[in-house]
Amino acid sequence: MDKPYIVGTILTNDEVIEFAESIHYNKKDFEEGDIVDRIERFSTYELREISVKDLEDPCHYIDEDLIKKYKQKNINEIPPIILGYYHNGSFMTIDGGHRTAILKELHIEKALAFVGIK
């Protein structure tokens, strides 16, 4: 994470897209996936501290090499997750399945997340 974001920071969806692109190891995620489309569902995002237990479990393939890289980092260096909402109000992971997996594996209670503003 290049910028020292603080809780309460508000970003446009373009800034969140730029953030997401800057932290991805595999640029094909943006060519093949729908990350940008999902981020664009919200016009702005707020950086919040959220409870990890409120995050959904990752539902896609988990790259164990990427998990190993995250384990080598200080927990404070793990970039924020990007979240939206389902119709029932629960969090929808837009980007950050691997980050969620490592946070849960390490039993971390709180995490930073860019949360789409309804």
C-alpha atoms as a PDB file:
ATOM      1  CA  MET A   1       0.000   0.000   0.000  1.00  0.00           C
ATOM      2  CA  ASP A   2       1.746   3.138  -1.210  1.00  0.00           C
ATOM      3  CA  LYS A   3      -0.430   5.721   0.521  1.00  0.00           C
ATOM      4  CA  PRO A   4      -0.840   5.780   4.295  1.00  0.00           C
ATOM      5  CA  TYR A   5      -4.649   5.729   4.243  1.00  0.00           C
ATOM      6  CA  ILE A   6      -6.420   6.385   7.517  1.00  0.00           C
ATOM      7  CA  VAL A   7      -9.813   5.137   8.651  1.00  0.00           C
ATOM      8  CA  GLY A   8     -12.492   7.445   7.302  1.00  0.00           C
ATOM      9  CA  THR A   9     -10.642   8.217   4.058  1.00  0.00           C
ATOM     10  CA  ILE A  10     -13.123   8.541   1.175  1.00  0.00           C
ATOM     11  CA  LEU A  11     -12.046   7.491  -2.325  1.00  0.00           C
ATOM     12  CA  THR A  12     -13.784   7.557  -5.689  1.00  0.00           C
ATOM     13  CA  ASN A  13     -14.243   4.279  -7.508  1.00  0.00           C
ATOM     14  CA  ASP A  14     -11.485   5.343  -9.946  1.00  0.00           C
ATOM     15  CA  GLU A  15      -9.082   5.729  -7.023  1.00  0.00           C
ATOM     16  CA  VAL A  16     -10.083   2.305  -5.669  1.00  0.00           C
ATOM     17  CA  ILE A  17      -9.522   0.755  -9.116  1.00  0.00           C
ATOM     18  CA  GLU A  18      -6.073   2.364  -9.249  1.00  0.00           C
ATOM     19  CA  PHE A  19      -5.359   1.029  -5.744  1.00  0.00           C
ATOM     20  CA  ALA A  20      -6.489  -2.501  -6.679  1.00  0.00           C
ATOM     21  CA  GLU A  21      -4.418  -2.499  -9.867  1.00  0.00           C
ATOM     22  CA  SER A  22      -1.349  -1.363  -7.912  1.00  0.00           C
ATOM     23  CA  ILE A  23      -1.453  -4.266  -5.452  1.00  0.00           C
ATOM     24  CA  HIS A  24      -2.250  -7.138  -7.808  1.00  0.00           C
ATOM     25  CA  TYR A  25       0.602  -9.458  -8.685  1.00  0.00           C
ATOM     26  CA  ASN A  26      -1.213 -10.794 -11.726  1.00  0.00           C
ATOM     27  CA  LYS A  27      -2.406  -8.082 -14.106  1.00  0.00           C
ATOM     28  CA  LYS A  28      -4.532 -10.669 -15.941  1.00  0.00           C
ATOM     29  CA  ASP A  29      -7.002 -10.364 -13.050  1.00  0.00           C
ATOM     30  CA  PHE A  30      -8.070  -7.084 -14.620  1.00  0.00           C
ATOM     31  CA  GLU A  31      -8.090  -8.337 -18.198  1.00  0.00           C
ATOM     32  CA  GLU A  32     -10.076 -11.528 -17.567  1.00  0.00           C
ATOM     33  CA  GLY A  33     -12.145 -10.732 -14.491  1.00  0.00           C
ATOM     34  CA  ASP A  34     -14.851  -8.341 -13.563  1.00  0.00           C
ATOM     35  CA  ILE A  35     -13.055  -6.556 -10.702  1.00  0.00           C
ATOM     36  CA  VAL A  36     -13.414  -3.151 -12.349  1.00  0.00           C
ATOM     37  CA  ASP A  37     -17.122  -3.712 -13.068  1.00  0.00           C
ATOM     38  CA  ARG A  38     -17.742  -4.730  -9.466  1.00  0.00           C
ATOM     39  CA  ILE A  39     -15.819  -1.735  -8.068  1.00  0.00           C
ATOM     40  CA  GLU A  40     -17.765   0.614 -10.349  1.00  0.00           C
ATOM     41  CA  ARG A  41     -21.066  -0.467  -8.733  1.00  0.00           C
ATOM     42  CA  PHE A  42     -20.285   2.099  -6.031  1.00  0.00           C
ATOM     43  CA  SER A  43     -19.271   5.683  -6.778  1.00  0.00           C
ATOM     44  CA  THR A  44     -17.320   6.145  -3.546  1.00  0.00           C
ATOM     45  CA  TYR A  45     -15.650   4.021  -0.882  1.00  0.00           C
ATOM     46  CA  GLU A  46     -14.772   4.649   2.740  1.00  0.00           C
ATOM     47  CA  LEU A  47     -11.826   3.039   4.497  1.00  0.00           C
ATOM     48  CA  ARG A  48     -13.197   1.283   7.570  1.00  0.00           C
ATOM     49  CA  GLU A  49     -11.950  -1.117  10.180  1.00  0.00           C
ATOM     50  CA  ILE A  50     -14.191  -4.145   9.999  1.00  0.00           C
ATOM     51  CA  SER A  51     -14.519  -7.415  11.866  1.00  0.00           C
ATOM     52  CA  VAL A  52     -12.883 -10.272   9.968  1.00  0.00           C
ATOM     53  CA  LYS A  53     -15.627 -12.628  11.158  1.00  0.00           C
ATOM     54  CA  ASP A  54     -18.071 -10.551   9.089  1.00  0.00           C
ATOM     55  CA  LEU A  55     -16.208 -11.343   5.851  1.00  0.00           C
ATOM     56  CA  GLU A  56     -17.390 -14.107   3.571  1.00  0.00           C
ATOM     57  CA  ASP A  57     -15.055 -17.031   3.018  1.00  0.00           C
ATOM     58  CA  PRO A  58     -13.225 -16.862  -0.316  1.00  0.00           C
ATOM     59  CA  CYS A  59     -15.183 -18.846  -2.905  1.00  0.00           C
ATOM     60  CA  HIS A  60     -12.561 -19.082  -5.628  1.00  0.00           C
ATOM     61  CA  TYR A  61      -9.238 -20.803  -6.129  1.00  0.00           C
ATOM     62  CA  ILE A  62      -6.666 -19.787  -3.521  1.00  0.00           C
ATOM     63  CA  ASP A  63      -3.093 -19.437  -4.784  1.00  0.00           C
ATOM     64  CA  GLU A  64      -0.968 -20.950  -2.016  1.00  0.00           C
ATOM     65  CA  ASP A  65       2.153 -19.120  -3.273  1.00  0.00           C
ATOM     66  CA  LEU A  66       0.376 -15.804  -2.783  1.00  0.00           C
ATOM     67  CA  ILE A  67      -0.721 -16.885   0.699  1.00  0.00           C
ATOM     68  CA  LYS A  68       2.932 -17.649   1.525  1.00  0.00           C
ATOM     69  CA  LYS A  69       3.919 -14.138   0.372  1.00  0.00           C
ATOM     70  CA  TYR A  70       1.289 -12.580   2.632  1.00  0.00           C
ATOM     71  CA  LYS A  71       2.477 -14.705   5.578  1.00  0.00           C
ATOM     72  CA  GLN A  72       5.946 -13.187   5.178  1.00  0.00           C
ATOM     73  CA  LYS A  73       4.561  -9.671   5.574  1.00  0.00           C
ATOM     74  CA  ASN A  74       3.846  -7.812   8.766  1.00  0.00           C
ATOM     75  CA  ILE A  75       0.082  -8.041   9.280  1.00  0.00           C
ATOM     76  CA  ASN A  76      -0.085  -4.226   9.087  1.00  0.00           C
ATOM     77  CA  GLU A  77       1.318  -4.389   5.539  1.00  0.00           C
ATOM     78  CA  ILE A  78      -1.590  -6.406   4.157  1.00  0.00           C
ATOM     79  CA  PRO A  79      -3.540  -4.046   1.885  1.00  0.00           C
ATOM     80  CA  PRO A  80      -7.193  -3.266   2.586  1.00  0.00           C
ATOM     81  CA  ILE A  81      -9.877  -5.519   1.169  1.00  0.00           C
ATOM     82  CA  ILE A  82     -12.472  -4.019  -1.183  1.00  0.00           C
ATOM     83  CA  LEU A  83     -16.066  -4.687  -0.167  1.00  0.00           C
ATOM     84  CA  GLY A  84     -19.554  -4.020  -1.385  1.00  0.00           C
ATOM     85  CA  TYR A  85     -22.902  -5.254  -0.084  1.00  0.00           C
ATOM     86  CA  TYR A  86     -25.341  -7.999  -0.913  1.00  0.00           C
ATOM     87  CA  HIS A  87     -29.056  -7.191  -0.933  1.00  0.00           C
ATOM     88  CA  ASN A  88     -29.355  -8.502   2.633  1.00  0.00           C
ATOM     89  CA  GLY A  89     -26.708  -6.020   3.839  1.00  0.00           C
ATOM     90  CA  SER A  90     -23.878  -8.509   4.371  1.00  0.00           C
ATOM     91  CA  PHE A  91     -20.439  -7.765   2.943  1.00  0.00           C
ATOM     92  CA  MET A  92     -19.628  -8.890  -0.586  1.00  0.00           C
ATOM     93  CA  THR A  93     -15.917  -9.295  -1.331  1.00  0.00           C
ATOM     94  CA  ILE A  94     -15.126  -7.390  -4.494  1.00  0.00           C
ATOM     95  CA  ASP A  95     -11.377  -7.881  -4.227  1.00  0.00           C
ATOM     96  CA  GLY A  96      -9.335  -9.508  -1.486  1.00  0.00           C
ATOM     97  CA  GLY A  97     -10.112 -13.208  -1.262  1.00  0.00           C
ATOM     98  CA  HIS A  98      -6.493 -14.113  -0.574  1.00  0.00           C
ATOM     99  CA  ARG A  99      -6.186 -11.352   2.022  1.00  0.00           C
ATOM    100  CA  THR A 100      -9.369 -12.582   3.697  1.00  0.00           C
ATOM    101  CA  ALA A 101      -8.053 -16.159   3.727  1.00  0.00           C
ATOM    102  CA  ILE A 102      -4.807 -15.174   5.447  1.00  0.00           C
ATOM    103  CA  LEU A 103      -6.554 -12.904   7.970  1.00  0.00           C
ATOM    104  CA  LYS A 104      -8.882 -15.747   8.938  1.00  0.00           C
ATOM    105  CA  GLU A 105      -6.060 -18.286   9.036  1.00  0.00           C
ATOM    106  CA  LEU A 106      -4.091 -16.048  11.406  1.00  0.00           C
ATOM    107  CA  HIS A 107      -7.215 -15.391  13.538  1.00  0.00           C
ATOM    108  CA  ILE A 108      -6.938 -11.632  13.049  1.00  0.00           C
ATOM    109  CA  GLU A 109      -9.980  -9.889  14.515  1.00  0.00           C
ATOM    110  CA  LYS A 110     -10.000  -6.561  12.622  1.00  0.00           C
ATOM    111  CA  ALA A 111      -8.970  -5.567   9.114  1.00  0.00           C
ATOM    112  CA  LEU A 112      -8.988  -2.495   6.931  1.00  0.00           C
ATOM    113  CA  ALA A 113     -11.408  -2.462   4.030  1.00  0.00           C
ATOM    114  CA  PHE A 114     -12.550  -0.007   1.398  1.00  0.00           C
ATOM    115  CA  VAL A 115     -16.322  -0.323   1.738  1.00  0.00           C
ATOM    116  CA  GLY A 116     -18.646   0.869  -1.021  1.00  0.00           C
ATOM    117  CA  ILE A 117     -20.940   3.619   0.165  1.00  0.00           C
ATOM    118  CA  LYS A 118     -24.539   2.675  -0.563  1.00  0.00           C
END
